[in-house]
Structures are given as C-alpha cells and as structure tokens.
Amino acid sequence: MEFRKIRMFVEVVRQQGFSRAAKVMFSTQSTISKAVRQLENELDAPLLDRNARGIVPTPSGEVVYRRGLRMLAELGDMERELEELQGLAKGSLVLGLPPIGASTLFAPVFAEYRKRFPGIDIRLVEHGSAELEEQLLAGRVELAASLLPVAEDFEWLPIRCEPLVALLSWDYPQAARGSIRLEALREVPFILFEDGFALNRIILAACRRSGFEPAVITKSSQIDFICKLAGAGLGAAFLPRVVAERRTSGQVGLVEVEDPHTAWDMAVIWRRGAYRSRAAQAWLDVVRDLYGGAAEG
C-alpha cells in the first residue's frame, strides 16, 4: 500500500469529489480515481459511496480516512525530524493563519521572528480555523492559529481573548446599545463567514443555546465585504472587538455580545504529540515573548 494512494483518497473525502481533489493535488481526475480503485482492491473493501448527497465515505472508508490522516501526519513528522538529525533542514515553517485577526496579532510576530531568524523561510496557508485544524491533523501545516476551545487532538498556546461584537447599521435600534444578547437579534438577518471559520461555530452554538436558529442572509470569507454589508443595513455581522474597531471606523454600531462562551479566544495550536521542529519552537518562543502565553493546553 502506497502513501500516495492514501493521500489521494484522503483528499477526495476532504474535497468531497474527485475533480476538486485533483485540483488540490495538481493531478488529473482519472489518476485520482485509479488510485482510489487500487486502494479499494488492495483493502478488499468499498471506500466511497456515491449517492444523492455526493461522494461520502463508507464505514470502511471512514476508518481509512481517520487512520490515513494520522499516517500522513506521522510521515510528515518523520521527514522533518530526519532532516534535522541529518543536518539537512533548510529552516522552514509551514504556518496556518485565519483571515480574522491575522494582521493584527501576527504581523508583530512575523517582524520579530524575521529579525531573530532571518534564515528561516515561512510558508503561509490561509484558511478559516476549522479548515486549519484539519490541515494540522493531516500534517500539512505544523502550527496554526485557531479559536479556543479546540479538540483534545491539539495542544495550544493562548494569545489573546477579545469580546465579540455585533456590527449593526445605525438603522437598527439595537446599534445604539452598549451590549446585547443574541436573543435580541432573533429577527435580524445574520451575515456570517464561510463554513470553514470557527467563529461561525461559536455564534451558531450561542444562538441555539438561546433557542433559535438565525436567518443567514449570506456568507463570505472577506472581512471588508462583510463589514460593508453590515453597514448597508443587510443584517448583523460579528467580529472580535480589536478587529472591528480597526475595520469599521464608526461606520456601524459595535455592540458587545453578552452571551456566555462567545469570546474570541485566539491561540496557536499544534497536533498533540507531534514532533516540533526548531523553526516551530522558535515561532512559539517569539509568541510567548510578545503575548505572554502563561499556560499551554
């Protein structure tokens, strides 16, 4: 059994299709399909089910996907550790950052890191936090930024905790209030980020605890666009206060969300038990120096 086939199968499941998996892996759809068929033959089990919902893993496929993620992550760890032992490391770090808050929190870290370690090359992977957690589990990135709480699969170093604010056009009477519970926005359409953003998970969970499912008018991955939509009166958008204050300049009302467990609690995370390269450890050292990081999870 080849790691290449497992990697292709894992990507088909992640991308929910052969064509999207082929694009991500810079391959052809026929090559990906052939590799998955060969893997099914080797394991003597069907791994994918094609139905009305699209392509989903069978029970056997779920096992191969879950175990495959771990195998690929361990392979990445082994390659990094062997490179350093053999003195072949070129000094590189694959880092995952979400669009929300990255410029505010991590630009100073980049500047200090570059000053201390000019020879280390950083490759950025930019996605929402939920997607970055998957990338970590698969070993595609070594460190990532995400919102707490995270699953037990990860360890973390806390960075900053900010209150969440609702962005509301001044046309809404709620915009003039200093704080608000999400229940008071039950009749207001929500403008959310794309599904790969952990911030959505926090907002929707808080709404469900309050007994309602919000009407989501649209989703986007672009912070400025979301702010403009809120300013145009299309509904309520949500950002951490430190980000909202820099993006809106008084164009909308910023109303603090009072509901429990809605704070924007940002941390650097990594896979529990994973090998940590010198480049990754150096990044964590800089984060501790700049933000404290009094405790690790």
Foldseek 3Di string as FASTA:
>chain_A
DDLVLLQLLLLCQVVLHQCVSCVVVVHHSVVSVVSPVVVCVVVVHQFWDQDPVGIHGDPVVVVSNLVSLQVQQQVLLVVQVVCVVVVNDQAEFEEEEEPACCCVFPVVLVVVLCVVCVRHYYHYDYDAQQVVVSCQSNNVGFKYKAFPDDDPQKKWFWFDKFFKWKWAAPVDVCLPDQADACVVQQVFAEEEADPSHCLVVQVQVSVVVVPHGHHHPYYHSDPLVSNVCRLVGNGIYMGGPVRCCVRNVPSTRIHTHDGPRNIGTMIMMHGPPGNAHPSRVSSVVSSCVVGVRVDMD
